[in-house]
Each structure stands twice: as C-alpha cells, then as structure tokens.
C-alpha cells in the first residue's frame, strides 16, 4: 500500500547535512543507513543535553527491527552489524559506562561536543570508555548564566532565575553564551528572545559542532536512575 502523504502539521527531525551529501554517496548498505537515521531520531526524542541512546534501546526499537526484518535478515544481528558499520565509518560514537548490572553501552552522534560529553561523564562512580575519539579537549572557563544575564539584560527576578537554571541544565554552555551574543547583536536584550533562540537551535540544530557543556554528566546519569 502506498504512502498517503505527510500530514499538515508534520514534525521534523534535524539531520546533519553530510548525511544527504558525501555520506549518502558512501553508505552502500541499506541497513546501516536505516540504523543511522533511526538512531538520529531516537537521540532527538531525548530531553536536555547531552543526548545518548543505549544499546538496549536500539535493539528494542520495533520500527528499526521491522524495517531490517523486511530486508531478509535476523533483525537483532542486522542491528548489531549496522551499528558496528556506523561506528567504524565514524557517523556514530559509542562508549560504555556504569558498573555491574548498571553497565550500559551508549551511542551518540560522532561530533566533538558529543564525544567530549561521553568523556566528561566519567565521575561520581561512573566509568566511561570512549571509542573513536581524538585528543581530549582542554576545559574552557565560561561565565555563569546569571552573570551573562546581569551583564547583558538587567536585574534578575526570581522567575527568570528559575528559567536560567533550567536552561543551564538543558543546553550546552556555549549555546547559552552564543544566544546572549546574538540577542545583543540584534539589540533584543530580553530572556524571552534568548530562550527562543535556544529553542530554535534545539529543534533545528545549531551549526556549531564544537559546542559542549561542562556538566555533561548530569544528563548522562539519568540513564542509571532508571
């Protein structure tokens, strides 16, 4: 049966542009491409930052399983094979964390920021092994989000302070800094305008592969509270 078409208010998932350019030419395995696209979608369903999906989440994803089963192979082994090819090609990065029964293998996009997030997650009893990484990034001292607000917008109110704390937990520090910079450049010195910029970048993607946050382990530890 044919596809009926996209609904009027269809939602979109940000996909890195190279997937539609050089990677589309290079990837000759349909299972690898399907797996990569599905992992990108699964990552976009996660809230906050950093975003990871576990090995079990990928194996248990019924859409991906049905898709690969139709290709004629066993879906479990096909997913494992496709994941391995994606990691070797360099589109996905993977690492393991936790101890004992809580040990998990995690996957994320292979960007400098996400590789750094895997590495920064080590601590508080977590053990992370990062694969396919470059040299570790040097830590960068960044201004506190409250200082950014007071320096660029004005006095803090309790309501805005709560929203700033939430933003600090949800977005990379460099995004917040860049959003303030963009608001000042456009002479739009309000938190509402800055929050709208951050929301747009989260939905549509920000063309800044080097962004990252120093508190990556906060989001990471959510996987070990389940």
N, C-alpha and C. Protein backbone atom coordinates (compact mmCIF):
# COMPACT_ATOMS: atom_id res chain seq x y z
N UNK A 1 0.85 -1.19 0.00
CA UNK A 1 0.00 0.00 0.00
C UNK A 1 0.89 1.24 0.00
N UNK A 2 0.53 2.23 -0.82
CA UNK A 2 1.34 3.42 -0.95
C UNK A 2 1.23 4.34 0.26
N UNK A 3 2.16 5.26 0.34
CA UNK A 3 2.18 6.24 1.43
C UNK A 3 1.16 7.33 1.12
N UNK A 4 0.34 7.70 2.14
CA UNK A 4 -0.75 8.65 1.92
C UNK A 4 -0.30 10.10 1.90
N UNK A 5 0.94 10.33 2.20
CA UNK A 5 1.43 11.72 2.22
C UNK A 5 1.60 12.22 3.64
N UNK A 6 2.37 13.29 3.79
CA UNK A 6 2.64 13.86 5.11
C UNK A 6 1.47 14.70 5.58
N UNK A 7 1.12 14.60 6.86
CA UNK A 7 0.01 15.41 7.38
C UNK A 7 0.36 16.89 7.41
N UNK A 8 -0.66 17.72 7.61
CA UNK A 8 -0.49 19.17 7.56
C UNK A 8 0.52 19.67 8.59
N UNK A 9 0.46 19.16 9.80
CA UNK A 9 1.32 19.64 10.88
C UNK A 9 2.39 18.60 11.23
N UNK A 10 3.04 18.06 10.21
CA UNK A 10 4.06 17.05 10.43
C UNK A 10 5.25 17.66 11.17
N UNK A 11 5.86 16.88 12.06
CA UNK A 11 7.04 17.33 12.79
C UNK A 11 8.30 16.91 12.02
N UNK A 12 9.37 17.67 12.21
CA UNK A 12 10.62 17.42 11.50
C UNK A 12 11.72 17.04 12.49
N UNK A 13 12.67 16.24 12.03
CA UNK A 13 13.82 15.84 12.84
C UNK A 13 15.09 16.38 12.20
N UNK A 14 15.90 17.15 12.94
CA UNK A 14 17.15 17.67 12.38
C UNK A 14 18.11 16.52 12.05
N UNK A 15 18.66 16.56 10.85
CA UNK A 15 19.64 15.57 10.40
C UNK A 15 20.87 16.31 9.88
N UNK A 16 22.08 15.94 10.30
CA UNK A 16 23.28 16.64 9.82
C UNK A 16 23.36 16.63 8.29
N UNK A 17 23.71 17.75 7.71
CA UNK A 17 23.75 17.88 6.26
C UNK A 17 24.62 16.85 5.55
N UNK A 18 25.78 16.44 6.11
CA UNK A 18 26.59 15.44 5.40
C UNK A 18 25.86 14.13 5.12
N UNK A 19 24.81 13.82 5.89
CA UNK A 19 24.04 12.60 5.63
C UNK A 19 23.42 12.66 4.24
N UNK A 20 23.07 13.85 3.77
CA UNK A 20 22.43 14.00 2.46
C UNK A 20 23.43 14.30 1.36
N UNK A 21 24.72 14.36 1.71
CA UNK A 21 25.75 14.65 0.72
C UNK A 21 26.74 13.52 0.61
N UNK A 22 27.97 13.71 1.13
CA UNK A 22 29.01 12.68 0.97
C UNK A 22 28.64 11.33 1.59
N UNK A 23 27.94 11.34 2.74
CA UNK A 23 27.59 10.06 3.36
C UNK A 23 26.57 9.29 2.52
N UNK A 24 25.67 10.01 1.87
CA UNK A 24 24.68 9.34 1.01
C UNK A 24 25.38 8.62 -0.15
N UNK A 25 26.49 9.19 -0.59
CA UNK A 25 27.27 8.55 -1.65
C UNK A 25 28.07 7.37 -1.12
N UNK A 26 28.56 7.49 0.12
CA UNK A 26 29.46 6.46 0.66
C UNK A 26 28.74 5.24 1.20
N UNK A 27 27.59 5.45 1.85
CA UNK A 27 26.90 4.34 2.52
C UNK A 27 26.16 3.51 1.48
N UNK A 28 26.64 2.28 1.27
CA UNK A 28 26.02 1.40 0.27
C UNK A 28 25.25 0.25 0.91
N UNK A 29 25.06 0.32 2.22
CA UNK A 29 24.35 -0.72 2.97
C UNK A 29 23.06 -0.10 3.51
N UNK A 30 21.91 -0.58 3.03
CA UNK A 30 20.62 -0.02 3.44
C UNK A 30 20.42 -0.16 4.94
N UNK A 31 20.87 -1.26 5.54
CA UNK A 31 20.68 -1.47 6.97
C UNK A 31 21.46 -0.43 7.77
N UNK A 32 22.69 -0.12 7.34
CA UNK A 32 23.49 0.89 8.03
C UNK A 32 22.81 2.25 7.95
N UNK A 33 22.31 2.63 6.78
CA UNK A 33 21.66 3.93 6.62
C UNK A 33 20.38 4.00 7.46
N UNK A 34 19.57 2.93 7.44
CA UNK A 34 18.35 2.91 8.25
C UNK A 34 18.68 3.03 9.73
N UNK A 35 19.70 2.31 10.16
CA UNK A 35 20.09 2.34 11.57
C UNK A 35 20.56 3.73 11.97
N UNK A 36 21.38 4.37 11.14
CA UNK A 36 21.87 5.71 11.43
C UNK A 36 20.70 6.68 11.56
N UNK A 37 19.76 6.65 10.61
CA UNK A 37 18.63 7.58 10.64
C UNK A 37 17.75 7.34 11.86
N UNK A 38 17.56 6.08 12.21
CA UNK A 38 16.71 5.78 13.38
C UNK A 38 17.38 6.21 14.67
N UNK A 39 18.71 6.04 14.77
CA UNK A 39 19.43 6.49 15.97
C UNK A 39 19.36 8.02 16.07
N UNK A 40 19.48 8.72 14.94
CA UNK A 40 19.33 10.18 14.96
C UNK A 40 17.95 10.55 15.50
N UNK A 41 16.93 9.85 15.05
CA UNK A 41 15.56 10.13 15.54
C UNK A 41 15.45 9.83 17.04
N UNK A 42 16.00 8.71 17.48
CA UNK A 42 15.94 8.36 18.90
C UNK A 42 16.66 9.40 19.75
N UNK A 43 17.79 9.89 19.27
CA UNK A 43 18.52 10.92 20.00
C UNK A 43 17.68 12.19 20.13
N UNK A 44 16.94 12.54 19.09
CA UNK A 44 16.13 13.75 19.12
C UNK A 44 14.94 13.63 20.08
N UNK A 45 14.58 12.41 20.46
CA UNK A 45 13.47 12.22 21.41
C UNK A 45 13.94 12.43 22.85
N UNK A 46 15.26 12.46 23.08
CA UNK A 46 15.78 12.68 24.42
C UNK A 46 15.67 14.16 24.78
N UNK A 47 15.45 14.44 26.04
CA UNK A 47 15.34 15.81 26.51
C UNK A 47 16.68 16.26 27.11
N UNK A 48 16.94 17.57 26.99
CA UNK A 48 18.13 18.13 27.60
C UNK A 48 19.39 17.80 26.84
N UNK A 49 20.51 17.93 27.52
CA UNK A 49 21.83 17.69 26.92
C UNK A 49 22.74 17.14 28.01
N UNK A 50 23.60 16.20 27.71
CA UNK A 50 23.83 15.56 26.41
C UNK A 50 22.77 14.51 26.11
N UNK A 51 22.72 14.05 24.88
CA UNK A 51 21.75 13.05 24.46
C UNK A 51 22.47 11.77 24.07
N UNK A 52 22.06 10.67 24.69
CA UNK A 52 22.59 9.35 24.35
C UNK A 52 21.41 8.40 24.20
N UNK A 53 21.60 7.33 23.44
CA UNK A 53 20.66 6.20 23.45
C UNK A 53 21.45 4.95 23.80
N UNK A 54 20.83 4.07 24.56
CA UNK A 54 21.52 2.86 24.99
C UNK A 54 21.43 1.78 23.91
N UNK A 55 22.34 0.84 24.02
CA UNK A 55 22.35 -0.31 23.11
C UNK A 55 21.02 -1.05 23.19
N UNK A 56 20.49 -1.22 24.40
CA UNK A 56 19.22 -1.93 24.57
C UNK A 56 18.07 -1.18 23.91
N UNK A 57 18.07 0.16 24.02
CA UNK A 57 17.02 0.94 23.40
C UNK A 57 16.99 0.74 21.88
N UNK A 58 18.17 0.67 21.28
CA UNK A 58 18.24 0.48 19.83
C UNK A 58 17.77 -0.93 19.46
N UNK A 59 18.24 -1.94 20.20
CA UNK A 59 17.84 -3.31 19.91
C UNK A 59 16.33 -3.52 20.08
N UNK A 60 15.72 -2.80 21.04
CA UNK A 60 14.29 -2.98 21.33
C UNK A 60 13.40 -2.08 20.48
N UNK A 61 13.98 -1.24 19.63
CA UNK A 61 13.17 -0.34 18.80
C UNK A 61 12.45 -1.15 17.72
N UNK A 62 11.12 -1.17 17.80
CA UNK A 62 10.34 -2.03 16.92
C UNK A 62 10.32 -1.53 15.47
N UNK A 63 10.35 -0.22 15.27
CA UNK A 63 10.37 0.31 13.91
C UNK A 63 11.63 -0.16 13.18
N UNK A 64 12.77 -0.01 13.83
CA UNK A 64 14.02 -0.44 13.22
C UNK A 64 14.04 -1.95 13.03
N UNK A 65 13.55 -2.70 14.02
CA UNK A 65 13.53 -4.16 13.92
C UNK A 65 12.69 -4.62 12.74
N UNK A 66 11.48 -4.05 12.59
CA UNK A 66 10.61 -4.45 11.47
C UNK A 66 11.22 -4.06 10.13
N UNK A 67 11.85 -2.89 10.10
CA UNK A 67 12.47 -2.42 8.87
C UNK A 67 13.57 -3.38 8.39
N UNK A 68 14.42 -3.81 9.32
CA UNK A 68 15.52 -4.68 8.94
C UNK A 68 15.06 -6.12 8.74
N UNK A 69 14.00 -6.54 9.42
CA UNK A 69 13.47 -7.89 9.21
C UNK A 69 12.94 -8.03 7.79
N UNK A 70 12.36 -6.95 7.25
CA UNK A 70 11.86 -6.97 5.88
C UNK A 70 12.98 -7.10 4.86
N UNK A 71 14.22 -6.75 5.29
CA UNK A 71 15.35 -6.89 4.38
C UNK A 71 15.85 -8.33 4.31
N UNK A 72 15.21 -9.22 5.05
CA UNK A 72 15.51 -10.64 4.92
C UNK A 72 16.42 -11.24 5.96
N UNK A 73 16.97 -10.43 6.87
CA UNK A 73 17.87 -10.96 7.88
C UNK A 73 17.24 -10.98 9.25
N UNK A 74 17.94 -11.60 10.20
CA UNK A 74 17.50 -11.56 11.59
C UNK A 74 17.71 -10.15 12.11
N UNK A 75 16.62 -9.54 12.66
CA UNK A 75 16.71 -8.12 12.99
C UNK A 75 17.75 -7.82 14.06
N UNK A 76 17.90 -8.71 15.05
CA UNK A 76 18.89 -8.47 16.10
C UNK A 76 20.30 -8.42 15.57
N UNK A 77 20.67 -9.42 14.79
CA UNK A 77 22.03 -9.45 14.25
C UNK A 77 22.24 -8.36 13.21
N UNK A 78 21.19 -8.00 12.47
CA UNK A 78 21.30 -6.93 11.49
C UNK A 78 21.54 -5.58 12.16
N UNK A 79 20.86 -5.34 13.28
CA UNK A 79 21.06 -4.10 14.02
C UNK A 79 22.49 -4.04 14.55
N UNK A 80 22.97 -5.13 15.12
CA UNK A 80 24.33 -5.17 15.63
C UNK A 80 25.33 -4.89 14.51
N UNK A 81 25.12 -5.51 13.36
CA UNK A 81 26.03 -5.33 12.23
C UNK A 81 26.00 -3.88 11.73
N UNK A 82 24.78 -3.33 11.62
CA UNK A 82 24.64 -1.96 11.12
C UNK A 82 25.24 -0.95 12.09
N UNK A 83 25.04 -1.17 13.39
CA UNK A 83 25.65 -0.28 14.39
C UNK A 83 27.16 -0.30 14.29
N UNK A 84 27.72 -1.50 14.14
CA UNK A 84 29.17 -1.64 14.03
C UNK A 84 29.70 -0.89 12.81
N UNK A 85 28.99 -0.98 11.69
CA UNK A 85 29.44 -0.28 10.49
C UNK A 85 29.36 1.23 10.67
N UNK A 86 28.32 1.71 11.34
CA UNK A 86 28.18 3.15 11.56
C UNK A 86 29.30 3.69 12.45
N UNK A 87 29.67 2.91 13.48
CA UNK A 87 30.76 3.34 14.37
C UNK A 87 32.08 3.33 13.61
N UNK A 88 32.32 2.28 12.83
CA UNK A 88 33.58 2.20 12.08
C UNK A 88 33.67 3.30 11.02
N UNK A 89 32.54 3.64 10.41
CA UNK A 89 32.54 4.71 9.41
C UNK A 89 32.78 6.07 10.07
N UNK A 90 32.34 6.20 11.33
CA UNK A 90 32.54 7.46 12.05
C UNK A 90 31.31 8.32 12.15
N UNK A 91 30.13 7.80 11.83
CA UNK A 91 28.91 8.60 11.97
C UNK A 91 28.38 8.55 13.39
N UNK A 92 28.62 7.44 14.10
CA UNK A 92 28.20 7.31 15.49
C UNK A 92 29.42 7.10 16.37
N UNK A 93 29.34 7.61 17.60
CA UNK A 93 30.37 7.37 18.62
C UNK A 93 29.74 6.53 19.72
N UNK A 94 30.52 5.69 20.34
CA UNK A 94 29.99 4.80 21.37
C UNK A 94 30.95 4.70 22.55
N UNK A 95 30.38 4.42 23.70
CA UNK A 95 31.18 4.25 24.91
C UNK A 95 30.38 3.47 25.92
N UNK A 96 31.05 2.91 26.94
CA UNK A 96 30.35 2.17 27.98
C UNK A 96 30.51 2.89 29.30
N UNK A 97 29.51 2.76 30.15
CA UNK A 97 29.54 3.43 31.45
C UNK A 97 28.77 2.62 32.47
N UNK A 98 29.05 2.89 33.74
CA UNK A 98 28.35 2.20 34.81
C UNK A 98 29.16 1.01 35.31
N UNK A 99 28.58 0.30 36.25
CA UNK A 99 29.25 -0.84 36.84
C UNK A 99 28.23 -1.94 37.12
N UNK A 100 28.67 -3.17 37.02
CA UNK A 100 27.81 -4.30 37.34
C UNK A 100 26.59 -4.35 36.45
N UNK A 101 25.42 -4.52 37.09
CA UNK A 101 24.18 -4.64 36.32
C UNK A 101 23.76 -3.31 35.69
N UNK A 102 24.38 -2.22 36.12
CA UNK A 102 24.04 -0.91 35.56
C UNK A 102 24.97 -0.49 34.43
N UNK A 103 25.84 -1.36 34.03
CA UNK A 103 26.76 -1.03 32.95
C UNK A 103 25.98 -0.95 31.64
N UNK A 104 26.19 0.10 30.89
CA UNK A 104 25.45 0.34 29.65
C UNK A 104 26.40 0.75 28.54
N UNK A 105 26.07 0.32 27.32
CA UNK A 105 26.75 0.86 26.14
C UNK A 105 25.87 1.95 25.56
N UNK A 106 26.46 3.10 25.32
CA UNK A 106 25.73 4.26 24.83
C UNK A 106 26.20 4.65 23.43
N UNK A 107 25.27 5.24 22.67
CA UNK A 107 25.59 5.73 21.33
C UNK A 107 25.15 7.18 21.21
N UNK A 108 25.91 7.95 20.44
CA UNK A 108 25.56 9.33 20.14
C UNK A 108 26.16 9.68 18.79
N UNK A 109 25.83 10.87 18.27
CA UNK A 109 26.45 11.30 17.02
C UNK A 109 27.94 11.54 17.24
N UNK A 110 28.72 11.28 16.23
CA UNK A 110 30.18 11.45 16.33
C UNK A 110 30.54 12.89 16.02
N UNK A 111 30.30 13.77 16.99
CA UNK A 111 30.71 15.17 16.90
C UNK A 111 31.68 15.45 18.04
N UNK A 112 32.52 16.48 17.91
CA UNK A 112 33.43 16.80 19.02
C UNK A 112 32.69 17.02 20.33
N UNK A 113 31.56 17.72 20.28
CA UNK A 113 30.82 18.02 21.51
C UNK A 113 30.29 16.75 22.16
N UNK A 114 29.75 15.82 21.36
CA UNK A 114 29.17 14.61 21.93
C UNK A 114 30.25 13.64 22.40
N UNK A 115 31.38 13.59 21.69
CA UNK A 115 32.48 12.76 22.18
C UNK A 115 32.99 13.31 23.51
N UNK A 116 33.06 14.63 23.61
CA UNK A 116 33.50 15.25 24.86
C UNK A 116 32.51 14.96 25.98
N UNK A 117 31.21 14.94 25.64
CA UNK A 117 30.20 14.65 26.65
C UNK A 117 30.37 13.24 27.20
N UNK A 118 30.70 12.29 26.34
CA UNK A 118 30.96 10.93 26.82
C UNK A 118 32.14 10.91 27.79
N UNK A 119 33.20 11.63 27.41
CA UNK A 119 34.38 11.65 28.27
C UNK A 119 34.12 12.37 29.58
N UNK A 120 33.37 13.48 29.54
CA UNK A 120 33.10 14.26 30.75
C UNK A 120 32.17 13.54 31.70
N UNK A 121 31.44 12.55 31.19
CA UNK A 121 30.51 11.83 32.05
C UNK A 121 31.22 10.99 33.09
N UNK A 122 32.51 10.73 32.91
CA UNK A 122 33.26 9.94 33.90
C UNK A 122 33.32 10.70 35.22
N UNK A 123 32.99 10.05 36.31
CA UNK A 123 32.99 10.68 37.62
C UNK A 123 31.83 10.19 38.43
N UNK A 124 31.84 10.46 39.73
CA UNK A 124 30.77 10.03 40.64
C UNK A 124 30.51 8.53 40.53
N UNK A 125 31.58 7.77 40.40
CA UNK A 125 31.44 6.32 40.36
C UNK A 125 31.18 5.76 38.99
N UNK A 126 31.04 6.61 37.96
CA UNK A 126 30.80 6.12 36.60
C UNK A 126 32.15 5.89 35.92
N UNK A 127 32.18 4.87 35.09
CA UNK A 127 33.38 4.57 34.32
C UNK A 127 33.03 4.60 32.85
N UNK A 128 33.70 5.44 32.09
CA UNK A 128 33.37 5.60 30.68
C UNK A 128 34.56 5.22 29.82
N UNK A 129 34.31 4.40 28.81
CA UNK A 129 35.32 4.08 27.82
C UNK A 129 34.84 4.64 26.49
N UNK A 130 35.55 5.61 25.96
CA UNK A 130 35.13 6.26 24.72
C UNK A 130 35.94 5.70 23.56
N UNK A 131 35.26 5.35 22.48
CA UNK A 131 35.93 4.82 21.31
C UNK A 131 35.93 5.86 20.20
N UNK A 132 36.88 5.71 19.30
CA UNK A 132 36.96 6.56 18.11
C UNK A 132 37.05 8.04 18.47
N UNK A 133 37.85 8.40 19.46
CA UNK A 133 37.93 9.80 19.85
C UNK A 133 39.27 10.39 19.48
N UNK A 134 39.29 11.72 19.36
CA UNK A 134 40.53 12.44 19.15
C UNK A 134 41.13 12.81 20.48
N UNK A 135 42.14 13.67 20.49
CA UNK A 135 42.75 14.11 21.75
C UNK A 135 41.75 14.83 22.61
N UNK A 136 41.81 14.71 23.95
CA UNK A 136 40.83 15.34 24.84
C UNK A 136 40.87 16.86 24.71
N UNK A 137 39.70 17.45 24.76
CA UNK A 137 39.59 18.91 24.65
C UNK A 137 40.01 19.56 25.98
N UNK A 138 40.62 20.72 25.86
CA UNK A 138 41.00 21.46 27.05
C UNK A 138 39.77 22.09 27.69
N UNK A 139 39.63 22.07 29.01
CA UNK A 139 38.49 22.71 29.65
C UNK A 139 38.49 24.22 29.41
N UNK A 140 37.29 24.76 29.23
CA UNK A 140 37.15 26.19 28.95
C UNK A 140 36.34 26.83 30.07
N UNK A 141 36.89 27.88 30.66
CA UNK A 141 36.16 28.62 31.69
C UNK A 141 35.11 29.50 31.01
N UNK A 142 33.85 29.36 31.43
CA UNK A 142 32.77 30.13 30.81
C UNK A 142 32.02 30.92 31.90
N UNK A 143 31.47 32.06 31.53
CA UNK A 143 30.76 32.87 32.52
C UNK A 143 29.50 32.18 33.01
N UNK A 144 29.16 32.41 34.27
CA UNK A 144 27.93 31.91 34.85
C UNK A 144 26.73 32.50 34.12
N UNK A 145 25.66 31.70 33.98
CA UNK A 145 24.50 32.16 33.22
C UNK A 145 23.85 33.39 33.87
N UNK A 146 23.92 33.47 35.21
CA UNK A 146 23.35 34.65 35.89
C UNK A 146 24.19 35.90 35.59
N UNK A 147 25.51 35.72 35.54
CA UNK A 147 26.37 36.86 35.20
C UNK A 147 26.11 37.32 33.77
N UNK A 148 25.92 36.36 32.87
CA UNK A 148 25.61 36.72 31.48
C UNK A 148 24.33 37.56 31.42
N UNK A 149 23.31 37.14 32.19
CA UNK A 149 22.05 37.86 32.18
C UNK A 149 22.22 39.28 32.73
N UNK A 150 22.86 39.38 33.88
CA UNK A 150 23.01 40.69 34.53
C UNK A 150 23.87 41.63 33.70
N UNK A 151 24.89 41.07 33.01
CA UNK A 151 25.77 41.91 32.21
C UNK A 151 25.12 42.37 30.90
N UNK A 152 24.19 41.57 30.38
CA UNK A 152 23.66 41.86 29.05
C UNK A 152 22.19 42.23 29.01
N UNK A 153 21.43 41.89 30.08
CA UNK A 153 19.99 42.17 30.07
C UNK A 153 19.60 43.11 31.21
N UNK A 154 19.86 42.72 32.44
CA UNK A 154 19.48 43.57 33.56
C UNK A 154 19.38 42.79 34.86
N UNK A 155 18.64 43.34 35.82
CA UNK A 155 18.49 42.70 37.12
C UNK A 155 17.68 41.42 37.02
N UNK A 156 18.04 40.45 37.84
CA UNK A 156 17.36 39.16 37.85
C UNK A 156 16.08 39.23 38.68
N UNK A 157 15.04 38.56 38.19
CA UNK A 157 13.85 38.32 39.00
C UNK A 157 13.83 36.85 39.37
N UNK A 158 13.13 36.45 40.44
CA UNK A 158 13.10 35.03 40.83
C UNK A 158 12.60 34.12 39.70
N UNK A 159 11.60 34.59 38.93
CA UNK A 159 11.06 33.76 37.86
C UNK A 159 12.11 33.54 36.77
N UNK A 160 12.80 34.60 36.37
CA UNK A 160 13.84 34.47 35.35
C UNK A 160 14.98 33.60 35.86
N UNK A 161 15.33 33.75 37.14
CA UNK A 161 16.41 32.94 37.71
C UNK A 161 16.09 31.45 37.59
N UNK A 162 14.83 31.07 37.84
CA UNK A 162 14.44 29.67 37.69
C UNK A 162 14.59 29.21 36.25
N UNK A 163 14.21 30.06 35.30
CA UNK A 163 14.32 29.70 33.88
C UNK A 163 15.77 29.59 33.45
N UNK A 164 16.63 30.44 34.02
CA UNK A 164 18.05 30.37 33.71
C UNK A 164 18.66 29.07 34.22
N UNK A 165 18.26 28.67 35.43
CA UNK A 165 18.77 27.39 35.97
C UNK A 165 18.35 26.23 35.08
N UNK A 166 17.11 26.25 34.62
CA UNK A 166 16.61 25.19 33.75
C UNK A 166 17.37 25.18 32.43
N UNK A 167 17.62 26.36 31.87
CA UNK A 167 18.37 26.45 30.61
C UNK A 167 19.78 25.92 30.77
N UNK A 168 20.39 26.20 31.93
CA UNK A 168 21.76 25.76 32.19
C UNK A 168 21.85 24.25 32.23
N UNK A 169 20.77 23.58 32.65
CA UNK A 169 20.74 22.12 32.69
C UNK A 169 20.36 21.52 31.34
N UNK A 170 19.77 22.32 30.45
CA UNK A 170 19.22 21.79 29.20
C UNK A 170 20.10 22.03 27.98
N UNK A 171 20.94 23.07 28.02
CA UNK A 171 21.71 23.44 26.83
C UNK A 171 23.20 23.51 27.14
N UNK A 172 24.04 23.30 26.10
CA UNK A 172 25.49 23.50 26.30
C UNK A 172 25.79 24.93 26.69
N UNK A 173 26.82 25.12 27.50
CA UNK A 173 27.20 26.47 27.95
C UNK A 173 27.51 27.38 26.78
N UNK A 174 28.15 26.82 25.74
CA UNK A 174 28.50 27.65 24.58
C UNK A 174 27.26 28.12 23.83
N UNK A 175 26.19 27.31 23.81
CA UNK A 175 24.94 27.74 23.16
C UNK A 175 24.36 28.95 23.90
N UNK A 176 24.32 28.87 25.22
CA UNK A 176 23.75 29.97 26.01
C UNK A 176 24.55 31.24 25.77
N UNK A 177 25.87 31.10 25.78
CA UNK A 177 26.73 32.24 25.55
C UNK A 177 26.50 32.84 24.16
N UNK A 178 26.40 31.97 23.15
CA UNK A 178 26.18 32.45 21.78
C UNK A 178 24.80 33.08 21.62
N UNK A 179 23.79 32.53 22.34
CA UNK A 179 22.44 33.09 22.25
C UNK A 179 22.40 34.50 22.84
N UNK A 180 23.08 34.70 23.96
CA UNK A 180 23.18 36.05 24.53
C UNK A 180 23.88 36.98 23.53
N UNK A 181 24.95 36.49 22.92
CA UNK A 181 25.71 37.32 21.98
C UNK A 181 24.83 37.72 20.78
N UNK A 182 24.03 36.75 20.28
CA UNK A 182 23.16 37.05 19.15
C UNK A 182 22.07 38.06 19.53
N UNK A 183 21.53 37.92 20.73
CA UNK A 183 20.50 38.85 21.19
C UNK A 183 21.05 40.26 21.31
N UNK A 184 22.25 40.39 21.85
CA UNK A 184 22.87 41.71 21.98
C UNK A 184 23.14 42.31 20.61
N UNK A 185 23.64 41.47 19.67
CA UNK A 185 23.93 41.96 18.33
C UNK A 185 22.67 42.47 17.63
N UNK A 186 21.53 41.84 17.93
CA UNK A 186 20.26 42.24 17.32
C UNK A 186 19.49 43.26 18.16
N UNK A 187 20.14 43.72 19.26
CA UNK A 187 19.52 44.69 20.17
C UNK A 187 18.18 44.18 20.70
N UNK A 188 18.15 42.89 21.04
CA UNK A 188 16.94 42.26 21.61
C UNK A 188 17.31 41.71 22.98
N UNK A 189 17.49 42.60 23.93
CA UNK A 189 18.01 42.21 25.24
C UNK A 189 16.89 41.75 26.17
N UNK A 190 16.36 40.57 25.89
CA UNK A 190 15.32 40.00 26.76
C UNK A 190 15.51 38.50 26.83
N UNK A 191 15.17 37.93 28.00
CA UNK A 191 15.31 36.48 28.14
C UNK A 191 14.37 35.74 27.20
N UNK A 192 13.19 36.29 26.94
CA UNK A 192 12.25 35.63 26.04
C UNK A 192 12.87 35.44 24.66
N UNK A 193 13.58 36.45 24.17
CA UNK A 193 14.22 36.37 22.86
C UNK A 193 15.35 35.35 22.89
N UNK A 194 16.15 35.37 23.97
CA UNK A 194 17.27 34.44 24.09
C UNK A 194 16.77 33.00 24.19
N UNK A 195 15.71 32.78 24.98
CA UNK A 195 15.14 31.44 25.12
C UNK A 195 14.60 30.93 23.79
N UNK A 196 14.03 31.83 22.98
CA UNK A 196 13.52 31.44 21.67
C UNK A 196 14.66 30.99 20.75
N UNK A 197 15.80 31.67 20.84
CA UNK A 197 16.97 31.26 20.05
C UNK A 197 17.39 29.84 20.44
N UNK A 198 17.50 29.58 21.75
CA UNK A 198 17.92 28.26 22.22
C UNK A 198 16.93 27.18 21.80
N UNK A 199 15.65 27.49 21.89
CA UNK A 199 14.63 26.52 21.49
C UNK A 199 14.74 26.20 20.00
N UNK A 200 14.98 27.24 19.19
CA UNK A 200 15.12 27.03 17.74
C UNK A 200 16.33 26.16 17.43
N UNK A 201 17.45 26.43 18.11
CA UNK A 201 18.65 25.63 17.87
C UNK A 201 18.43 24.18 18.27
N UNK A 202 17.67 23.97 19.35
CA UNK A 202 17.42 22.59 19.79
C UNK A 202 16.56 21.85 18.78
N UNK A 203 15.58 22.57 18.19
CA UNK A 203 14.67 21.93 17.22
C UNK A 203 15.31 21.76 15.86
N UNK A 204 16.06 22.77 15.42
CA UNK A 204 16.55 22.79 14.05
C UNK A 204 18.03 22.45 13.93
N UNK A 205 18.72 22.45 15.06
CA UNK A 205 20.16 22.21 15.03
C UNK A 205 20.93 23.51 14.97
N UNK A 206 22.10 23.50 15.59
CA UNK A 206 22.97 24.67 15.59
C UNK A 206 24.24 24.31 14.85
N UNK A 207 24.62 25.11 13.90
CA UNK A 207 25.79 24.82 13.09
C UNK A 207 27.06 25.15 13.84
N UNK A 208 27.33 24.36 14.89
CA UNK A 208 28.50 24.59 15.75
C UNK A 208 28.90 23.28 16.39
N UNK A 209 29.64 22.47 15.65
CA UNK A 209 29.98 21.13 16.13
C UNK A 209 30.85 21.15 17.36
N UNK A 210 31.48 22.29 17.66
CA UNK A 210 32.38 22.33 18.79
C UNK A 210 31.73 22.69 20.10
N UNK A 211 30.40 22.87 20.13
CA UNK A 211 29.76 23.27 21.38
C UNK A 211 29.75 22.11 22.36
N UNK A 212 29.71 22.44 23.64
CA UNK A 212 29.68 21.41 24.68
C UNK A 212 29.38 22.04 26.00
N UNK A 213 29.17 21.25 27.03
CA UNK A 213 28.91 21.80 28.36
C UNK A 213 29.72 21.06 29.38
N UNK A 214 30.08 21.77 30.41
CA UNK A 214 30.96 21.17 31.41
C UNK A 214 30.23 20.25 32.37
N UNK A 215 28.90 20.31 32.38
CA UNK A 215 28.14 19.47 33.31
C UNK A 215 27.44 18.34 32.57
N UNK A 216 28.12 17.75 31.59
CA UNK A 216 27.52 16.69 30.78
C UNK A 216 27.06 15.52 31.62
N UNK A 217 27.76 15.22 32.71
CA UNK A 217 27.43 14.02 33.47
C UNK A 217 26.05 14.10 34.10
N UNK A 218 25.49 15.30 34.25
CA UNK A 218 24.16 15.43 34.85
C UNK A 218 23.12 14.71 34.01
N UNK A 219 23.10 15.04 32.69
CA UNK A 219 22.15 14.38 31.81
C UNK A 219 22.47 12.90 31.65
N UNK A 220 23.78 12.58 31.63
CA UNK A 220 24.21 11.21 31.44
C UNK A 220 23.71 10.30 32.55
N UNK A 221 23.71 10.79 33.77
CA UNK A 221 23.34 9.94 34.90
C UNK A 221 21.87 9.56 34.91
N UNK A 222 21.04 10.24 34.10
CA UNK A 222 19.63 9.86 34.03
C UNK A 222 19.49 8.40 33.59
N UNK A 223 20.45 7.90 32.78
CA UNK A 223 20.36 6.53 32.30
C UNK A 223 20.52 5.51 33.42
N UNK A 224 21.12 5.93 34.54
CA UNK A 224 21.40 4.99 35.61
C UNK A 224 20.46 5.18 36.81
N UNK A 225 19.42 6.01 36.61
CA UNK A 225 18.37 6.13 37.63
C UNK A 225 17.16 5.29 37.24
N UNK A 226 17.19 4.74 36.03
CA UNK A 226 16.01 4.00 35.55
C UNK A 226 15.99 2.60 36.12
